[in-house]
Amino acid sequence: MDPSSAWLDALGALRDRSEPCVVVTVTSTKGSTPRDPGARMIVDRTGIAWGTIGGGRLEQLAAERAATMLQEERPEARTERVPLAASAGQCCGGEVTVFLEAFAWRKRRVVVFGAGHVGQALGGLAPWLGAEVLLIDPREEAELIPRVPAERAYSLRLVDAPEGEIDELEDHDLVLIMTHSHALDMDLLVAALRRGTFPYLGLIGSQRKWARFQKLLAQRGFSEADWRRVTCPIGVGAPSKEPHQIALSVAAELAPILQSTPSPLPVRRG
């Protein structure tokens, strides 16, 4: 492996684990310094994850700056000039300029309205999808069927008015509507269409349900161009009524979309 590209492999490994980090690069030096321009280290939330820019107080200062950046909501890249004698107390006496760039890796999110059989089955596929899956439902947890397991691969949010959650979503979230109520499905679909364009907006149901929903959307002022943004029926392959089969077919439909978005993603609101 080429040592000059080893940092890219380390950065890629952190990206695969969705671990936020800061790359610290020596960009210029004056006088006597411990490392030359091009030296790098990577700092994650646990400390220095890879490499070195020379050790000592210089490295400690840079790691502290990086740790501060990782606490910021929207960290911006910055350049720091460090006189080794005055700022770092090192006897080299030179000066080092470092560039710090944050990578706020984060998994894509699939937001599922409805925590019934299909929603929970799809949530269980979160590790395979490589995404966060959030299930939103207006019912009490004791009312959900099947019972929600204590240990699960997805998040669950129980709210009185799920349609109010639409405005809190991010533009890059993938949205699925599959509640226990057709009326709530319609309210959620209307809110989602008014909210904006999501990479995926899916509605569970048959062709017959979708034909009825299109008529209802037209009555609410939506056009054919609007409802073309909706995927219904959802999933790939032959239709199935078995929840886990539906979840698998939907996951297969979502996977290419999830893999198409570049990283890092914006910091999520809230």
Protein backbone atom coordinates (compact mmCIF):
# COMPACT_ATOMS: atom_id res chain seq x y z
CA MET A 1 0.00 0.00 0.00
CA ASP A 2 1.28 3.46 -0.94
CA PRO A 3 1.93 5.32 2.36
CA SER A 4 0.85 8.57 0.71
CA SER A 5 -2.68 7.22 0.24
CA ALA A 6 -2.98 5.29 3.51
CA TRP A 7 -4.89 8.18 5.08
CA LEU A 8 -7.59 7.78 2.44
CA ASP A 9 -8.09 4.18 3.49
CA ALA A 10 -8.34 5.27 7.12
CA LEU A 11 -10.82 8.00 6.18
CA GLY A 12 -12.84 5.52 4.14
CA ALA A 13 -13.04 3.13 7.09
CA LEU A 14 -14.42 5.92 9.28
CA ARG A 15 -16.92 6.84 6.59
CA ASP A 16 -18.11 3.23 6.39
CA ARG A 17 -18.73 3.30 10.14
CA SER A 18 -20.36 6.76 9.92
CA GLU A 19 -17.79 8.09 12.41
CA PRO A 20 -17.38 11.90 12.22
CA CYS A 21 -13.76 12.98 12.04
CA VAL A 22 -11.36 15.80 11.24
CA VAL A 23 -8.40 15.49 8.88
CA VAL A 24 -5.47 17.65 10.01
CA THR A 25 -2.91 18.37 7.28
CA VAL A 26 0.38 20.23 7.55
CA THR A 27 0.22 22.68 4.65
CA SER A 28 3.36 24.75 5.18
CA THR A 29 6.34 25.06 7.51
CA LYS A 30 9.00 27.64 8.38
CA GLY A 31 12.27 26.90 10.08
CA SER A 32 12.82 23.72 12.06
CA THR A 33 9.64 21.62 12.38
CA PRO A 34 8.90 18.00 13.33
CA ARG A 35 7.11 17.12 10.06
CA ASP A 36 7.06 18.38 6.48
CA PRO A 37 4.09 19.68 4.47
CA GLY A 38 1.73 16.85 3.56
CA ALA A 39 1.91 15.14 6.95
CA ARG A 40 -1.56 14.19 8.15
CA MET A 41 -3.48 12.82 11.06
CA ILE A 42 -7.14 11.98 11.54
CA VAL A 43 -9.00 12.77 14.74
CA ASP A 44 -12.32 11.16 15.62
CA ARG A 45 -14.48 11.45 18.72
CA THR A 46 -12.13 9.20 20.70
CA GLY A 47 -8.92 11.06 19.84
CA ILE A 48 -6.23 10.55 17.21
CA ALA A 49 -7.45 7.71 15.01
CA TRP A 50 -4.63 7.67 12.45
CA GLY A 51 -1.29 9.30 11.65
CA THR A 52 0.80 12.01 13.25
CA ILE A 53 1.87 15.57 12.53
CA GLY A 54 4.91 15.34 14.77
CA GLY A 55 3.75 14.60 18.29
CA GLY A 56 4.27 16.85 21.28
CA ARG A 57 2.28 19.93 22.11
CA LEU A 58 1.71 20.79 18.42
CA GLU A 59 -0.18 17.55 17.89
CA GLN A 60 -2.07 17.99 21.15
CA LEU A 61 -3.19 21.50 20.16
CA ALA A 62 -4.35 20.30 16.75
CA ALA A 63 -6.24 17.38 18.29
CA GLU A 64 -7.95 19.76 20.72
CA ARG A 65 -9.00 22.05 17.85
CA ALA A 66 -10.33 19.03 15.97
CA ALA A 67 -12.28 17.82 19.01
CA THR A 68 -13.89 21.25 19.30
CA MET A 69 -14.90 21.13 15.64
CA LEU A 70 -16.58 17.77 16.15
CA GLN A 71 -18.81 19.37 18.78
CA GLU A 72 -20.00 22.07 16.39
CA GLU A 73 -23.31 21.69 14.57
CA ARG A 74 -21.86 22.71 11.21
CA PRO A 75 -18.08 22.66 11.45
CA GLU A 76 -16.26 24.74 8.86
CA ALA A 77 -12.79 24.02 7.55
CA ARG A 78 -10.12 26.27 9.00
CA THR A 79 -6.41 27.04 8.84
CA GLU A 80 -4.31 27.40 12.00
CA ARG A 81 -0.80 28.87 12.22
CA VAL A 82 1.20 27.50 15.16
CA PRO A 83 4.53 29.11 16.17
CA LEU A 84 6.18 26.14 17.85
CA ALA A 85 8.09 28.07 20.49
CA ALA A 86 5.41 30.60 21.44
CA SER A 87 2.26 28.47 21.12
CA ALA A 88 3.42 24.90 21.50
CA GLY A 89 6.42 25.32 23.77
CA GLN A 90 8.56 23.19 21.47
CA CYS A 91 12.24 23.89 21.06
CA CYS A 92 12.21 23.46 17.28
CA GLY A 93 11.53 27.16 16.98
CA GLY A 94 9.84 26.95 13.60
CA GLU A 95 6.27 27.53 12.52
CA VAL A 96 3.65 25.08 11.26
CA THR A 97 0.44 25.85 9.40
CA VAL A 98 -2.24 23.17 9.50
CA PHE A 99 -5.52 22.81 7.66
CA LEU A 100 -8.40 21.16 9.54
CA GLU A 101 -11.33 19.73 7.58
CA ALA A 102 -14.31 18.05 9.25
CA PHE A 103 -16.24 15.14 7.78
CA ALA A 104 -19.63 14.78 9.47
CA TRP A 105 -20.38 11.35 8.09
CA ARG A 106 -23.95 10.27 8.66
CA LYS A 107 -26.09 7.48 7.34
CA ARG A 108 -29.06 8.18 5.12
CA ARG A 109 -32.41 8.00 6.86
CA VAL A 110 -35.54 6.12 5.88
CA VAL A 111 -38.63 7.52 7.63
CA VAL A 112 -41.54 5.10 7.79
CA PHE A 113 -44.97 6.34 8.86
CA GLY A 114 -46.57 3.27 10.38
CA ALA A 115 -45.09 0.79 12.85
CA GLY A 116 -47.12 -2.26 11.90
CA HIS A 117 -45.98 -5.57 10.43
CA VAL A 118 -44.33 -4.18 7.29
CA GLY A 119 -42.84 -1.13 9.00
CA GLN A 120 -41.20 -3.20 11.71
CA ALA A 121 -39.97 -5.76 9.18
CA LEU A 122 -38.42 -2.99 7.09
CA GLY A 123 -36.90 -1.44 10.20
CA GLY A 124 -35.22 -4.74 10.96
CA LEU A 125 -33.40 -4.46 7.63
CA ALA A 126 -31.68 -1.21 8.64
CA PRO A 127 -28.21 -2.84 8.95
CA TRP A 128 -28.54 -4.35 5.48
CA LEU A 129 -29.68 -1.02 4.04
CA GLY A 130 -26.79 0.78 5.75
CA ALA A 131 -29.29 3.44 6.81
CA GLU A 132 -31.05 4.79 9.85
CA VAL A 133 -34.68 3.75 9.91
CA LEU A 134 -37.21 5.77 11.91
CA LEU A 135 -40.74 4.49 12.46
CA ILE A 136 -43.41 7.07 13.35
CA ASP A 137 -46.85 6.06 14.62
CA PRO A 138 -49.73 7.80 16.44
CA ARG A 139 -50.67 4.78 18.56
CA GLU A 140 -49.44 3.82 22.00
CA GLU A 141 -46.69 1.21 22.01
CA ALA A 142 -49.02 -1.31 23.69
CA GLU A 143 -51.40 -0.97 20.70
CA LEU A 144 -48.78 -1.84 18.09
CA ILE A 145 -48.98 -5.23 16.43
CA PRO A 146 -46.64 -7.03 16.40
CA ARG A 147 -45.18 -6.05 19.75
CA VAL A 148 -42.11 -3.89 19.39
CA PRO A 149 -38.97 -5.73 20.53
CA ALA A 150 -36.89 -4.15 23.28
CA GLU A 151 -33.76 -4.50 21.15
CA ARG A 152 -34.27 -3.27 17.62
CA ALA A 153 -32.29 -1.96 14.68
CA TYR A 154 -34.58 1.03 14.16
CA SER A 155 -35.86 4.04 16.11
CA LEU A 156 -39.50 4.46 17.13
CA ARG A 157 -41.30 7.77 17.61
CA LEU A 158 -44.88 7.81 18.90
CA VAL A 159 -46.70 11.11 18.30
CA ASP A 160 -50.33 12.22 18.30
CA ALA A 161 -50.14 13.93 14.89
CA PRO A 162 -47.65 12.18 12.57
CA GLU A 163 -48.39 14.57 9.69
CA GLY A 164 -46.81 17.33 11.78
CA GLU A 165 -43.51 15.46 11.57
CA ILE A 166 -43.27 15.94 7.80
CA ASP A 167 -41.96 19.49 8.12
CA GLU A 168 -39.15 18.25 10.38
CA LEU A 169 -37.76 15.87 7.76
CA GLU A 170 -34.65 16.57 5.72
CA ASP A 171 -34.73 16.91 1.96
CA HIS A 172 -32.58 13.80 1.56
CA ASP A 173 -34.77 11.55 3.75
CA LEU A 174 -36.57 8.67 2.05
CA VAL A 175 -40.23 8.58 3.07
CA LEU A 176 -42.65 5.66 3.24
CA ILE A 177 -46.32 5.88 4.21
CA MET A 178 -47.92 2.68 5.52
CA THR A 179 -50.11 3.48 8.51
CA HIS A 180 -53.12 1.57 9.87
CA SER A 181 -55.50 4.20 8.46
CA HIS A 182 -56.18 5.16 4.83
CA ALA A 183 -57.35 8.59 5.98
CA LEU A 184 -54.05 9.16 7.80
CA ASP A 185 -52.16 7.86 4.77
CA MET A 186 -53.86 10.54 2.68
CA ASP A 187 -53.13 13.31 5.18
CA LEU A 188 -49.48 12.27 5.30
CA LEU A 189 -49.24 12.06 1.52
CA VAL A 190 -50.71 15.54 1.11
CA ALA A 191 -48.30 16.95 3.70
CA ALA A 192 -45.34 15.23 2.03
CA LEU A 193 -46.25 16.51 -1.44
CA ARG A 194 -46.62 20.04 -0.10
CA ARG A 195 -43.38 19.77 1.90
CA GLY A 196 -41.16 19.25 -1.13
CA THR A 197 -39.43 16.69 -3.25
CA PHE A 198 -37.98 13.70 -1.38
CA PRO A 199 -35.64 11.25 -3.14
CA TYR A 200 -38.29 8.61 -2.56
CA LEU A 201 -41.91 8.98 -1.49
CA GLY A 202 -43.66 5.64 -1.27
CA LEU A 203 -47.23 4.70 -0.41
CA ILE A 204 -48.17 1.14 0.44
CA GLY A 205 -51.24 -0.18 -1.33
CA SER A 206 -52.73 -1.77 -4.39
CA GLN A 207 -53.33 -0.26 -7.81
CA ARG A 208 -56.96 0.14 -6.78
CA LYS A 209 -56.01 2.13 -3.66
CA TRP A 210 -53.65 4.29 -5.68
CA ALA A 211 -56.32 5.04 -8.32
CA ARG A 212 -58.65 6.20 -5.55
CA PHE A 213 -55.92 8.31 -3.95
CA GLN A 214 -55.16 10.02 -7.26
CA LYS A 215 -58.82 11.13 -7.49
CA LEU A 216 -58.68 12.45 -3.93
CA LEU A 217 -55.41 14.29 -4.67
CA ALA A 218 -56.99 15.89 -7.73
CA GLN A 219 -59.85 17.10 -5.54
CA ARG A 220 -57.29 18.76 -3.27
CA GLY A 221 -55.70 20.63 -6.15
CA PHE A 222 -52.79 18.35 -6.98
CA SER A 223 -51.87 17.60 -10.57
CA GLU A 224 -50.68 14.45 -12.31
CA ALA A 225 -47.14 15.87 -12.17
CA ASP A 226 -47.46 16.00 -8.38
CA TRP A 227 -48.56 12.42 -7.88
CA ARG A 228 -45.98 11.13 -10.33
CA ARG A 229 -43.53 11.83 -7.48
CA VAL A 230 -45.21 9.05 -5.51
CA THR A 231 -44.28 5.38 -5.80
CA CYS A 232 -47.34 3.17 -5.40
CA PRO A 233 -47.44 0.21 -5.21
CA ILE A 234 -44.04 -0.02 -3.53
CA GLY A 235 -41.37 -2.66 -3.89
CA VAL A 236 -39.89 -4.68 -6.73
CA GLY A 237 -40.83 -8.05 -8.14
CA ALA A 238 -44.12 -9.90 -7.95
CA PRO A 239 -46.67 -8.51 -5.46
CA SER A 240 -46.84 -10.27 -2.10
CA LYS A 241 -49.10 -9.92 0.94
CA GLU A 242 -46.57 -11.37 3.37
CA PRO A 243 -45.06 -8.52 5.49
CA HIS A 244 -41.45 -9.72 5.38
CA GLN A 245 -41.63 -10.29 1.63
CA ILE A 246 -43.01 -6.78 1.14
CA ALA A 247 -40.23 -5.37 3.36
CA LEU A 248 -37.58 -7.21 1.34
CA SER A 249 -38.98 -5.96 -1.97
CA VAL A 250 -39.12 -2.38 -0.65
CA ALA A 251 -35.56 -2.64 0.69
CA ALA A 252 -34.42 -3.76 -2.77
CA GLU A 253 -36.13 -0.69 -4.23
CA LEU A 254 -34.54 1.68 -1.71
CA ALA A 255 -31.00 0.29 -1.82
CA PRO A 256 -29.86 1.94 -5.11
CA ILE A 257 -31.22 5.31 -3.94
CA LEU A 258 -29.47 5.05 -0.59
CA GLN A 259 -26.18 4.22 -2.30
CA SER A 260 -26.42 7.08 -4.79
CA THR A 261 -26.04 9.99 -2.36
CA PRO A 262 -22.51 11.29 -1.75
CA SER A 263 -21.04 11.63 1.75
CA PRO A 264 -20.65 13.46 3.99
CA LEU A 265 -24.28 14.46 4.46
CA PRO A 266 -25.42 17.73 6.00
CA VAL A 267 -25.83 17.85 9.75
CA ARG A 268 -29.42 16.96 10.60
CA ARG A 269 -31.61 19.67 12.08
CA GLY A 270 -32.51 19.33 15.73
